[in-house]
Amino acid sequence: GLKTASTSVCRQFTVISRISGDAEFNKLTWDLDHVEKIGK
């Protein structure tokens, strides 16, 4: 759902999350243009 729902509207989506207020942020992005460019 996260992936197919997001890309039905946009070509790039990012998730940023943390498990507590003093924990570090964790960030990853799917960019369809990047996937097309490198083919992976």
Full PDB file with SEQRES, HELIX, SHEET, SSBOND, CRYST1, ORIGX, SCALE, CONECT and MASTER records, all heavy atoms in Angstrom:
SEQRES   1 A   40  GLY LEU LYS THR ALA SER THR SER VAL CYS ARG GLN PHE          
SEQRES   2 A   40  THR VAL ILE SER ARG ILE SER GLY ASP ALA GLU PHE ASN          
SEQRES   3 A   40  LYS LEU THR TRP ASP LEU ASP HIS VAL GLU LYS ILE GLY          
SEQRES   4 A   40  LYS                                                          
HELIX    1 AA1 LEU A    2  THR A    7  1                                   6    
HELIX    2 AA2 LEU A   32  ILE A   38  1                                   7    
SHEET    1 AA1 2 GLN A  12  SER A  17  0                                        
SHEET    2 AA1 2 ASN A  26  ASP A  31 -1                                        
CRYST1    1.000    1.000    1.000  90.00  90.00  90.00 P 1           1          
ORIGX1      1.000000  0.000000  0.000000        0.00000                         
ORIGX2      0.000000  1.000000  0.000000        0.00000                         
ORIGX3      0.000000  0.000000  1.000000        0.00000                         
SCALE1      1.000000  0.000000  0.000000        0.00000                         
SCALE2      0.000000  1.000000  0.000000        0.00000                         
SCALE3      0.000000  0.000000  1.000000        0.00000                         
ATOM      1  N   GLY A   1       0.788  -1.225   0.000  1.00  0.00           N  
ATOM      2  CA  GLY A   1       0.000   0.000   0.000  1.00  0.00           C  
ATOM      3  C   GLY A   1       0.820   1.274   0.000  1.00  0.00           C  
ATOM      4  O   GLY A   1       0.551   2.184  -0.796  1.00  0.00           O  
ATOM      5  N   LEU A   2       1.813   1.380   0.865  1.00  0.00           N  
ATOM      6  CA  LEU A   2       2.628   2.589   0.942  1.00  0.00           C  
ATOM      7  C   LEU A   2       3.233   2.917  -0.417  1.00  0.00           C  
ATOM      8  O   LEU A   2       3.231   4.071  -0.858  1.00  0.00           O  
ATOM      9  CB  LEU A   2       3.732   2.403   1.989  1.00  0.00           C  
ATOM     10  CG  LEU A   2       4.850   3.453   2.009  1.00  0.00           C  
ATOM     11  CD1 LEU A   2       4.288   4.813   2.389  1.00  0.00           C  
ATOM     12  CD2 LEU A   2       5.959   3.029   2.969  1.00  0.00           C  
ATOM     13  N   LYS A   3       3.748   1.897  -1.100  1.00  0.00           N  
ATOM     14  CA  LYS A   3       4.452   2.105  -2.363  1.00  0.00           C  
ATOM     15  C   LYS A   3       3.495   2.357  -3.524  1.00  0.00           C  
ATOM     16  O   LYS A   3       3.625   3.347  -4.251  1.00  0.00           O  
ATOM     17  CB  LYS A   3       5.328   0.895  -2.674  1.00  0.00           C  
ATOM     18  CG  LYS A   3       6.620   0.822  -1.856  1.00  0.00           C  
ATOM     19  CD  LYS A   3       6.431   0.425  -0.399  1.00  0.00           C  
ATOM     20  CE  LYS A   3       5.886  -0.976  -0.237  1.00  0.00           C  
ATOM     21  NZ  LYS A   3       5.795  -1.375   1.201  1.00  0.00           N  
ATOM     22  N   THR A   4       2.514   1.466  -3.709  1.00  0.00           N  
ATOM     23  CA  THR A   4       1.622   1.597  -4.857  1.00  0.00           C  
ATOM     24  C   THR A   4       0.700   2.809  -4.720  1.00  0.00           C  
ATOM     25  O   THR A   4       0.395   3.489  -5.704  1.00  0.00           O  
ATOM     26  CB  THR A   4       0.783   0.320  -5.045  1.00  0.00           C  
ATOM     27  OG1 THR A   4       0.097   0.008  -3.823  1.00  0.00           O  
ATOM     28  CG2 THR A   4       1.671  -0.848  -5.436  1.00  0.00           C  
ATOM     29  N   ALA A   5       0.244   3.092  -3.494  1.00  0.00           N  
ATOM     30  CA  ALA A   5      -0.600   4.268  -3.289  1.00  0.00           C  
ATOM     31  C   ALA A   5       0.188   5.542  -3.581  1.00  0.00           C  
ATOM     32  O   ALA A   5      -0.290   6.450  -4.269  1.00  0.00           O  
ATOM     33  CB  ALA A   5      -1.138   4.287  -1.864  1.00  0.00           C  
ATOM     34  N   SER A   6       1.409   5.621  -3.064  1.00  0.00           N  
ATOM     35  CA  SER A   6       2.219   6.832  -3.248  1.00  0.00           C  
ATOM     36  C   SER A   6       2.543   7.068  -4.718  1.00  0.00           C  
ATOM     37  O   SER A   6       2.341   8.170  -5.247  1.00  0.00           O  
ATOM     38  CB  SER A   6       3.511   6.724  -2.435  1.00  0.00           C  
ATOM     39  OG  SER A   6       3.242   6.634  -1.051  1.00  0.00           O  
ATOM     40  N   THR A   7       3.031   6.054  -5.395  1.00  0.00           N  
ATOM     41  CA  THR A   7       3.453   6.255  -6.786  1.00  0.00           C  
ATOM     42  C   THR A   7       2.274   6.404  -7.742  1.00  0.00           C  
ATOM     43  O   THR A   7       2.464   6.815  -8.893  1.00  0.00           O  
ATOM     44  CB  THR A   7       4.362   5.104  -7.266  1.00  0.00           C  
ATOM     45  OG1 THR A   7       3.671   3.847  -7.123  1.00  0.00           O  
ATOM     46  CG2 THR A   7       5.650   5.063  -6.459  1.00  0.00           C  
ATOM     47  N   SER A   8       1.064   6.093  -7.288  1.00  0.00           N  
ATOM     48  CA  SER A   8      -0.097   6.371  -8.142  1.00  0.00           C  
ATOM     49  C   SER A   8      -0.326   7.863  -8.284  1.00  0.00           C  
ATOM     50  O   SER A   8      -0.988   8.304  -9.221  1.00  0.00           O  
ATOM     51  CB  SER A   8      -1.348   5.698  -7.567  1.00  0.00           C  
ATOM     52  OG  SER A   8      -1.789   6.361  -6.389  1.00  0.00           O  
ATOM     53  N   VAL A   9       0.252   8.648  -7.364  1.00  0.00           N  
ATOM     54  CA  VAL A   9       0.071  10.100  -7.353  1.00  0.00           C  
ATOM     55  C   VAL A   9       1.362  10.833  -7.704  1.00  0.00           C  
ATOM     56  O   VAL A   9       1.334  11.867  -8.365  1.00  0.00           O  
ATOM     57  CB  VAL A   9      -0.435  10.564  -5.966  1.00  0.00           C  
ATOM     58  CG1 VAL A   9      -0.510  12.080  -5.873  1.00  0.00           C  
ATOM     59  CG2 VAL A   9      -1.800   9.946  -5.656  1.00  0.00           C  
ATOM     60  N   CYS A  10       2.503  10.291  -7.262  1.00  0.00           N  
ATOM     61  CA  CYS A  10       3.760  11.024  -7.422  1.00  0.00           C  
ATOM     62  C   CYS A  10       4.866  10.109  -7.943  1.00  0.00           C  
ATOM     63  O   CYS A  10       4.762   8.887  -7.918  1.00  0.00           O  
ATOM     64  CB  CYS A  10       4.175  11.638  -6.082  1.00  0.00           C  
ATOM     65  SG  CYS A  10       4.611  10.405  -4.819  1.00  0.00           S  
ATOM     66  N   ARG A  11       5.964  10.727  -8.388  1.00  0.00           N  
ATOM     67  CA  ARG A  11       7.114   9.961  -8.889  1.00  0.00           C  
ATOM     68  C   ARG A  11       8.222   9.846  -7.842  1.00  0.00           C  
ATOM     69  O   ARG A  11       9.234   9.192  -8.070  1.00  0.00           O  
ATOM     70  CB  ARG A  11       7.677  10.605 -10.160  1.00  0.00           C  
ATOM     71  CG  ARG A  11       6.716  10.568 -11.340  1.00  0.00           C  
ATOM     72  CD  ARG A  11       7.402  10.974 -12.633  1.00  0.00           C  
ATOM     73  NE  ARG A  11       8.517  10.102 -12.962  1.00  0.00           N  
ATOM     74  CZ  ARG A  11       8.401   8.908 -13.556  1.00  0.00           C  
ATOM     75  NH1 ARG A  11       7.191   8.436 -13.858  1.00  0.00           N  
ATOM     76  NH2 ARG A  11       9.482   8.206 -13.840  1.00  0.00           N  
ATOM     77  N   GLN A  12       8.031  10.480  -6.702  1.00  0.00           N  
ATOM     78  CA  GLN A  12       9.032  10.381  -5.637  1.00  0.00           C  
ATOM     79  C   GLN A  12       8.333  10.485  -4.293  1.00  0.00           C  
ATOM     80  O   GLN A  12       7.481  11.343  -4.088  1.00  0.00           O  
ATOM     81  CB  GLN A  12      10.057  11.503  -5.772  1.00  0.00           C  
ATOM     82  CG  GLN A  12      11.097  11.537  -4.651  1.00  0.00           C  
ATOM     83  CD  GLN A  12      12.138  12.624  -4.860  1.00  0.00           C  
ATOM     84  OE1 GLN A  12      12.922  12.573  -5.800  1.00  0.00           O  
ATOM     85  NE2 GLN A  12      12.136  13.625  -3.982  1.00  0.00           N  
ATOM     86  N   PHE A  13       8.650   9.567  -3.393  1.00  0.00           N  
ATOM     87  CA  PHE A  13       8.100   9.679  -2.048  1.00  0.00           C  
ATOM     88  C   PHE A  13       9.164   9.287  -1.032  1.00  0.00           C  
ATOM     89  O   PHE A  13      10.031   8.451  -1.293  1.00  0.00           O  
ATOM     90  CB  PHE A  13       6.824   8.849  -1.871  1.00  0.00           C  
ATOM     91  CG  PHE A  13       7.023   7.357  -1.885  1.00  0.00           C  
ATOM     92  CD1 PHE A  13       7.146   6.642  -0.700  1.00  0.00           C  
ATOM     93  CD2 PHE A  13       7.073   6.659  -3.086  1.00  0.00           C  
ATOM     94  CE1 PHE A  13       7.323   5.268  -0.704  1.00  0.00           C  
ATOM     95  CE2 PHE A  13       7.250   5.288  -3.101  1.00  0.00           C  
ATOM     96  CZ  PHE A  13       7.368   4.586  -1.914  1.00  0.00           C  
ATOM     97  N   THR A  14       9.072   9.926   0.129  1.00  0.00           N  
ATOM     98  CA  THR A  14      10.081   9.788   1.179  1.00  0.00           C  
ATOM     99  C   THR A  14       9.403   9.411   2.487  1.00  0.00           C  
ATOM    100  O   THR A  14       8.307   9.897   2.789  1.00  0.00           O  
ATOM    101  CB  THR A  14      10.839  11.112   1.360  1.00  0.00           C  
ATOM    102  OG1 THR A  14      11.518  11.432   0.138  1.00  0.00           O  
ATOM    103  CG2 THR A  14      11.850  11.027   2.497  1.00  0.00           C  
ATOM    104  N   VAL A  15      10.056   8.544   3.248  1.00  0.00           N  
ATOM    105  CA  VAL A  15       9.595   8.203   4.585  1.00  0.00           C  
ATOM    106  C   VAL A  15      10.667   8.629   5.586  1.00  0.00           C  
ATOM    107  O   VAL A  15      11.845   8.290   5.446  1.00  0.00           O  
ATOM    108  CB  VAL A  15       9.312   6.696   4.728  1.00  0.00           C  
ATOM    109  CG1 VAL A  15       9.031   6.334   6.190  1.00  0.00           C  
ATOM    110  CG2 VAL A  15       8.130   6.298   3.859  1.00  0.00           C  
ATOM    111  N   ILE A  16      10.265   9.413   6.594  1.00  0.00           N  
ATOM    112  CA  ILE A  16      11.140   9.831   7.681  1.00  0.00           C  
ATOM    113  C   ILE A  16      10.483   9.395   8.980  1.00  0.00           C  
ATOM    114  O   ILE A  16       9.317   9.711   9.224  1.00  0.00           O  
ATOM    115  CB  ILE A  16      11.344  11.361   7.681  1.00  0.00           C  
ATOM    116  CG1 ILE A  16      11.931  11.821   6.340  1.00  0.00           C  
ATOM    117  CG2 ILE A  16      12.233  11.790   8.836  1.00  0.00           C  
ATOM    118  CD1 ILE A  16      11.969  13.328   6.179  1.00  0.00           C  
ATOM    119  N   SER A  17      11.216   8.683   9.830  1.00  0.00           N  
ATOM    120  CA  SER A  17      10.596   8.146  11.041  1.00  0.00           C  
ATOM    121  C   SER A  17      11.606   8.080  12.173  1.00  0.00           C  
ATOM    122  O   SER A  17      12.819   8.030  11.952  1.00  0.00           O  
ATOM    123  CB  SER A  17      10.034   6.746  10.748  1.00  0.00           C  
ATOM    124  OG  SER A  17       9.241   6.283  11.812  1.00  0.00           O  
ATOM    125  N   ARG A  18      11.063   8.068  13.405  1.00  0.00           N  
ATOM    126  CA  ARG A  18      11.903   7.854  14.586  1.00  0.00           C  
ATOM    127  C   ARG A  18      11.055   7.212  15.676  1.00  0.00           C  
ATOM    128  O   ARG A  18       9.835   7.376  15.712  1.00  0.00           O  
ATOM    129  CB  ARG A  18      12.531   9.155  15.076  1.00  0.00           C  
ATOM    130  CG  ARG A  18      11.546  10.160  15.634  1.00  0.00           C  
ATOM    131  CD  ARG A  18      12.257  11.433  16.052  1.00  0.00           C  
ATOM    132  NE  ARG A  18      11.325  12.447  16.553  1.00  0.00           N  
ATOM    133  CZ  ARG A  18      11.649  13.718  16.773  1.00  0.00           C  
ATOM    134  NH1 ARG A  18      12.901  14.122  16.543  1.00  0.00           N  
ATOM    135  NH2 ARG A  18      10.753  14.572  17.215  1.00  0.00           N  
ATOM    136  N   ILE A  19      11.711   6.489  16.572  1.00  0.00           N  
ATOM    137  CA  ILE A  19      10.986   5.719  17.584  1.00  0.00           C  
ATOM    138  C   ILE A  19      10.844   6.464  18.910  1.00  0.00           C  
ATOM    139  O   ILE A  19      10.133   5.995  19.801  1.00  0.00           O  
ATOM    140  CB  ILE A  19      11.659   4.355  17.814  1.00  0.00           C  
ATOM    141  CG1 ILE A  19      13.120   4.534  18.226  1.00  0.00           C  
ATOM    142  CG2 ILE A  19      11.563   3.499  16.565  1.00  0.00           C  
ATOM    143  CD1 ILE A  19      13.816   3.225  18.596  1.00  0.00           C  
ATOM    144  N   SER A  20      11.482   7.603  19.042  1.00  0.00           N  
ATOM    145  CA  SER A  20      11.326   8.427  20.249  1.00  0.00           C  
ATOM    146  C   SER A  20      11.853   9.820  19.960  1.00  0.00           C  
ATOM    147  O   SER A  20      12.532  10.051  18.945  1.00  0.00           O  
ATOM    148  CB  SER A  20      12.083   7.810  21.437  1.00  0.00           C  
ATOM    149  OG  SER A  20      13.481   7.861  21.218  1.00  0.00           O  
ATOM    150  N   GLY A  21      11.553  10.750  20.879  1.00  0.00           N  
ATOM    151  CA  GLY A  21      11.959  12.130  20.669  1.00  0.00           C  
ATOM    152  C   GLY A  21      13.458  12.331  20.664  1.00  0.00           C  
ATOM    153  O   GLY A  21      13.962  13.265  20.026  1.00  0.00           O  
ATOM    154  N   ASP A  22      14.189  11.463  21.365  1.00  0.00           N  
ATOM    155  CA  ASP A  22      15.645  11.628  21.400  1.00  0.00           C  
ATOM    156  C   ASP A  22      16.368  10.656  20.485  1.00  0.00           C  
ATOM    157  O   ASP A  22      17.597  10.581  20.497  1.00  0.00           O  
ATOM    158  CB  ASP A  22      16.157  11.477  22.836  1.00  0.00           C  
ATOM    159  CG  ASP A  22      15.732  10.161  23.478  1.00  0.00           C  
ATOM    160  OD1 ASP A  22      15.080   9.343  22.787  1.00  0.00           O  
ATOM    161  OD2 ASP A  22      16.036   9.966  24.673  1.00  0.00           O  
ATOM    162  N   ALA A  23      15.619   9.899  19.668  1.00  0.00           N  
ATOM    163  CA  ALA A  23      16.240   8.968  18.720  1.00  0.00           C  
ATOM    164  C   ALA A  23      16.538   9.700  17.416  1.00  0.00           C  
ATOM    165  O   ALA A  23      15.949  10.740  17.104  1.00  0.00           O  
ATOM    166  CB  ALA A  23      15.312   7.783  18.461  1.00  0.00           C  
ATOM    167  N   GLU A  24      17.446   9.139  16.630  1.00  0.00           N  
ATOM    168  CA  GLU A  24      17.793   9.768  15.368  1.00  0.00           C  
ATOM    169  C   GLU A  24      16.718   9.510  14.312  1.00  0.00           C  
ATOM    170  O   GLU A  24      15.946   8.559  14.404  1.00  0.00           O  
ATOM    171  CB  GLU A  24      19.135   9.240  14.862  1.00  0.00           C  
ATOM    172  CG  GLU A  24      19.140   7.757  14.539  1.00  0.00           C  
ATOM    173  CD  GLU A  24      20.493   7.268  14.040  1.00  0.00           C  
ATOM    174  OE1 GLU A  24      21.499   7.969  14.269  1.00  0.00           O  
ATOM    175  OE2 GLU A  24      20.530   6.191  13.433  1.00  0.00           O  
ATOM    176  N   PHE A  25      16.634  10.401  13.326  1.00  0.00           N  
ATOM    177  CA  PHE A  25      15.710  10.213  12.210  1.00  0.00           C  
ATOM    178  C   PHE A  25      16.236   9.139  11.265  1.00  0.00           C  
ATOM    179  O   PHE A  25      17.453   8.985  11.082  1.00  0.00           O  
ATOM    180  CB  PHE A  25      15.555  11.519  11.421  1.00  0.00           C  
ATOM    181  CG  PHE A  25      14.725  12.551  12.128  1.00  0.00           C  
ATOM    182  CD1 PHE A  25      15.317  13.701  12.635  1.00  0.00           C  
ATOM    183  CD2 PHE A  25      13.354  12.390  12.275  1.00  0.00           C  
ATOM    184  CE1 PHE A  25      14.558  14.671  13.274  1.00  0.00           C  
ATOM    185  CE2 PHE A  25      12.583  13.358  12.913  1.00  0.00           C  
ATOM    186  CZ  PHE A  25      13.185  14.493  13.419  1.00  0.00           C  
ATOM    187  N   ASN A  26      15.324   8.424  10.648  1.00  0.00           N  
ATOM    188  CA  ASN A  26      15.657   7.426   9.634  1.00  0.00           C  
ATOM    189  C   ASN A  26      14.892   7.780   8.370  1.00  0.00           C  
ATOM    190  O   ASN A  26      13.666   7.961   8.405  1.00  0.00           O  
ATOM    191  CB  ASN A  26      15.264   6.028  10.116  1.00  0.00           C  
ATOM    192  CG  ASN A  26      15.905   5.683  11.445  1.00  0.00           C  
ATOM    193  OD1 ASN A  26      17.092   5.411  11.511  1.00  0.00           O  
ATOM    194  ND2 ASN A  26      15.116   5.726  12.517  1.00  0.00           N  
ATOM    195  N   LYS A  27      15.616   7.895   7.262  1.00  0.00           N  
ATOM    196  CA  LYS A  27      15.012   8.431   6.035  1.00  0.00           C  
ATOM    197  C   LYS A  27      15.415   7.608   4.821  1.00  0.00           C  
ATOM    198  O   LYS A  27      16.584   7.278   4.649  1.00  0.00           O  
ATOM    199  CB  LYS A  27      15.454   9.885   5.842  1.00  0.00           C  
ATOM    200  CG  LYS A  27      15.007  10.518   4.519  1.00  0.00           C  
ATOM    201  CD  LYS A  27      15.573  11.921   4.385  1.00  0.00           C  
ATOM    202  CE  LYS A  27      15.259  12.527   3.028  1.00  0.00           C  
ATOM    203  NZ  LYS A  27      15.846  13.872   2.846  1.00  0.00           N  
ATOM    204  N   LEU A  28      14.414   7.272   3.985  1.00  0.00           N  
ATOM    205  CA  LEU A  28      14.667   6.619   2.702  1.00  0.00           C  
ATOM    206  C   LEU A  28      13.676   7.157   1.677  1.00  0.00           C  
ATOM    207  O   LEU A  28      12.566   7.576   2.021  1.00  0.00           O  
ATOM    208  CB  LEU A  28      14.517   5.098   2.808  1.00  0.00           C  
ATOM    209  CG  LEU A  28      15.647   4.331   3.495  1.00  0.00           C  
ATOM    210  CD1 LEU A  28      15.282   2.863   3.671  1.00  0.00           C  
ATOM    211  CD2 LEU A  28      16.964   4.478   2.721  1.00  0.00           C  
ATOM    212  N   THR A  29      14.090   7.118   0.399  1.00  0.00           N  
ATOM    213  CA  THR A  29      13.273   7.663  -0.688  1.00  0.00           C  
ATOM    214  C   THR A  29      13.231   6.700  -1.861  1.00  0.00           C  
ATOM    215  O   THR A  29      14.246   6.087  -2.216  1.00  0.00           O  
ATOM    216  CB  THR A  29      13.862   9.011  -1.170  1.00  0.00           C  
ATOM    217  OG1 THR A  29      13.837   9.951  -0.095  1.00  0.00           O  
ATOM    218  CG2 THR A  29      13.082   9.562  -2.349  1.00  0.00           C  
ATOM    219  N   TRP A  30      12.034   6.551  -2.432  1.00  0.00           N  
ATOM    220  CA  TRP A  30      11.901   5.919  -3.741  1.00  0.00           C  
ATOM    221  C   TRP A  30      11.712   7.024  -4.765  1.00  0.00           C  
ATOM    222  O   TRP A  30      10.785   7.842  -4.657  1.00  0.00           O  
ATOM    223  CB  TRP A  30      10.694   4.984  -3.807  1.00  0.00           C  
ATOM    224  CG  TRP A  30      10.942   3.590  -3.311  1.00  0.00           C  
ATOM    225  CD1 TRP A  30      10.416   3.000  -2.207  1.00  0.00           C  
ATOM    226  CD2 TRP A  30      11.749   2.597  -3.938  1.00  0.00           C  
ATOM    227  NE1 TRP A  30      10.855   1.704  -2.072  1.00  0.00           N  
ATOM    228  CE2 TRP A  30      11.680   1.422  -3.128  1.00  0.00           C  
ATOM    229  CE3 TRP A  30      12.547   2.563  -5.082  1.00  0.00           C  
ATOM    230  CZ2 TRP A  30      12.361   0.244  -3.436  1.00  0.00           C  
ATOM    231  CZ3 TRP A  30      13.231   1.392  -5.399  1.00  0.00           C  
ATOM    232  CH2 TRP A  30      13.135   0.252  -4.578  1.00  0.00           C  
ATOM    233  N   ASP A  31      12.607   7.061  -5.765  1.00  0.00           N  
ATOM    234  CA  ASP A  31      12.537   8.045  -6.839  1.00  0.00           C  
ATOM    235  C   ASP A  31      12.466   7.279  -8.158  1.00  0.00           C  
ATOM    236  O   ASP A  31      13.429   6.612  -8.554  1.00  0.00           O  
ATOM    237  CB  ASP A  31      13.770   8.955  -6.810  1.00  0.00           C  
ATOM    238  CG  ASP A  31      13.715  10.079  -7.827  1.00  0.00           C  
ATOM    239  OD1 ASP A  31      12.980   9.946  -8.825  1.00  0.00           O  
ATOM    240  OD2 ASP A  31      14.400  11.093  -7.626  1.00  0.00           O  
ATOM    241  N   LEU A  32      11.308   7.346  -8.831  1.00  0.00           N  
ATOM    242  CA  LEU A  32      11.129   6.562 -10.056  1.00  0.00           C  
ATOM    243  C   LEU A  32      12.094   6.988 -11.152  1.00  0.00           C  
ATOM    244  O   LEU A  32      12.538   6.157 -11.965  1.00  0.00           O  
ATOM    245  CB  LEU A  32       9.682   6.687 -10.554  1.00  0.00           C  
ATOM    246  CG  LEU A  32       8.688   5.686  -9.969  1.00  0.00           C  
ATOM    247  CD1 LEU A  32       8.583   5.808  -8.454  1.00  0.00           C  
ATOM    248  CD2 LEU A  32       7.314   5.838 -10.603  1.00  0.00           C  
ATOM    249  N   ASP A  33      12.466   8.262 -11.188  1.00  0.00           N  
ATOM    250  CA  ASP A  33      13.434   8.733 -12.183  1.00  0.00           C  
ATOM    251  C   ASP A  33      14.804   8.094 -11.928  1.00  0.00           C  
ATOM    252  O   ASP A  33      15.514   7.735 -12.877  1.00  0.00           O  
ATOM    253  CB  ASP A  33      13.548  10.255 -12.134  1.00  0.00           C  
ATOM    254  CG  ASP A  33      12.243  10.931 -12.531  1.00  0.00           C  
ATOM    255  OD1 ASP A  33      11.509  10.359 -13.370  1.00  0.00           O  
ATOM    256  OD2 ASP A  33      11.934  12.012 -11.990  1.00  0.00           O  
ATOM    257  N   HIS A  34      15.178   7.951 -10.660  1.00  0.00           N  
ATOM    258  CA  HIS A  34      16.451   7.315 -10.313  1.00  0.00           C  
ATOM    259  C   HIS A  34      16.448   5.834 -10.708  1.00  0.00           C  
ATOM    260  O   HIS A  34      17.428   5.331 -11.273  1.00  0.00           O  
ATOM    261  CB  HIS A  34      16.699   7.465  -8.812  1.00  0.00           C  
ATOM    262  CG  HIS A  34      17.918   6.762  -8.325  1.00  0.00           C  
ATOM    263  ND1 HIS A  34      19.199   7.211  -8.572  1.00  0.00           N  
ATOM    264  CD2 HIS A  34      18.066   5.608  -7.588  1.00  0.00           C  
ATOM    265  CE1 HIS A  34      20.077   6.398  -8.024  1.00  0.00           C  
ATOM    266  NE2 HIS A  34      19.415   5.410  -7.422  1.00  0.00           N  
ATOM    267  N   VAL A  35      15.333   5.149 -10.449  1.00  0.00           N  
ATOM    268  CA  VAL A  35      15.232   3.728 -10.809  1.00  0.00           C  
ATOM    269  C   VAL A  35      15.320   3.556 -12.323  1.00  0.00           C  
ATOM    270  O   VAL A  35      15.984   2.638 -12.832  1.00  0.00           O  
ATOM    271  CB  VAL A  35      13.917   3.132 -10.262  1.00  0.00           C  
ATOM    272  CG1 VAL A  35      13.707   1.703 -10.786  1.00  0.00           C  
ATOM    273  CG2 VAL A  35      13.926   3.133  -8.742  1.00  0.00           C  
ATOM    274  N   GLU A  36      14.663   4.446 -13.072  1.00  0.00           N  
ATOM    275  CA  GLU A  36      14.730   4.374 -14.533  1.00  0.00           C  
ATOM    276  C   GLU A  36      16.151   4.615 -15.042  1.00  0.00           C  
ATOM    277  O   GLU A  36      16.609   3.957 -15.989  1.00  0.00           O  
ATOM    278  CB  GLU A  36      13.785   5.415 -15.143  1.00  0.00           C  
ATOM    279  CG  GLU A  36      12.318   5.020 -15.093  1.00  0.00           C  
ATOM    280  CD  GLU A  36      11.448   6.003 -15.859  1.00  0.00           C  
ATOM    281  OE1 GLU A  36      11.985   7.038 -16.320  1.00  0.00           O  
ATOM    282  OE2 GLU A  36      10.244   5.745 -15.985  1.00  0.00           O  
ATOM    283  N   LYS A  37      16.858   5.515 -14.378  1.00  0.00           N  
ATOM    284  CA  LYS A  37      18.201   5.884 -14.833  1.00  0.00           C  
ATOM    285  C   LYS A  37      19.199   4.747 -14.653  1.00  0.00           C  
ATOM    286  O   LYS A  37      19.998   4.459 -15.551  1.00  0.00           O  
ATOM    287  CB  LYS A  37      18.664   7.126 -14.075  1.00  0.00           C  
ATOM    288  CG  LYS A  37      20.042   7.622 -14.481  1.00  0.00           C  
ATOM    289  CD  LYS A  37      20.423   8.888 -13.705  1.00  0.00           C  
ATOM    290  CE  LYS A  37      21.800   9.378 -14.102  1.00  0.00           C  
ATOM    291  NZ  LYS A  37      22.186  10.604 -13.342  1.00  0.00           N  
ATOM    292  N   ILE A  38      19.135   4.060 -13.481  1.00  0.00           N  
ATOM    293  CA  ILE A  38      20.137   3.022 -13.211  1.00  0.00           C  
ATOM    294  C   ILE A  38      19.609   1.613 -13.512  1.00  0.00           C  
ATOM    295  O   ILE A  38      20.382   0.653 -13.558  1.00  0.00           O  
ATOM    296  CB  ILE A  38      20.628   3.093 -11.758  1.00  0.00           C  
ATOM    297  CG1 ILE A  38      19.499   2.702 -10.784  1.00  0.00           C  
ATOM    298  CG2 ILE A  38      21.165   4.473 -11.426  1.00  0.00           C  
ATOM    299  CD1 ILE A  38      19.993   2.514  -9.372  1.00  0.00           C  
ATOM    300  N   GLY A  39      18.276   1.481 -13.697  1.00  0.00           N  
ATOM    301  CA  GLY A  39      17.717   0.181 -14.049  1.00  0.00           C  
ATOM    302  C   GLY A  39      17.735  -0.827 -12.921  1.00  0.00           C  
ATOM    303  O   GLY A  39      17.755  -2.041 -13.173  1.00  0.00           O  
ATOM    304  N   LYS A  40      17.745  -0.379 -11.682  1.00  0.00           N  
ATOM    305  CA  LYS A  40      17.786  -1.297 -10.538  1.00  0.00           C  
ATOM    306  C   LYS A  40      16.789  -0.859  -9.466  1.00  0.00           C  
ATOM    307  O   LYS A  40      16.393   0.303  -9.404  1.00  0.00           O  
ATOM    308  CB  LYS A  40      19.193  -1.314  -9.924  1.00  0.00           C  
ATOM    309  CG  LYS A  40      20.269  -1.878 -10.817  1.00  0.00           C  
ATOM    310  CD  LYS A  40      21.630  -1.849 -10.101  1.00  0.00           C  
ATOM    311  CE  LYS A  40      22.733  -2.400 -10.988  1.00  0.00           C  
ATOM    312  NZ  LYS A  40      24.049  -2.343 -10.291  1.00  0.00           N  
TER     313      LYS A  40                                                      
MASTER        0    0    0    2    2    0    0    6  312    1    0    4          
END                                                                             
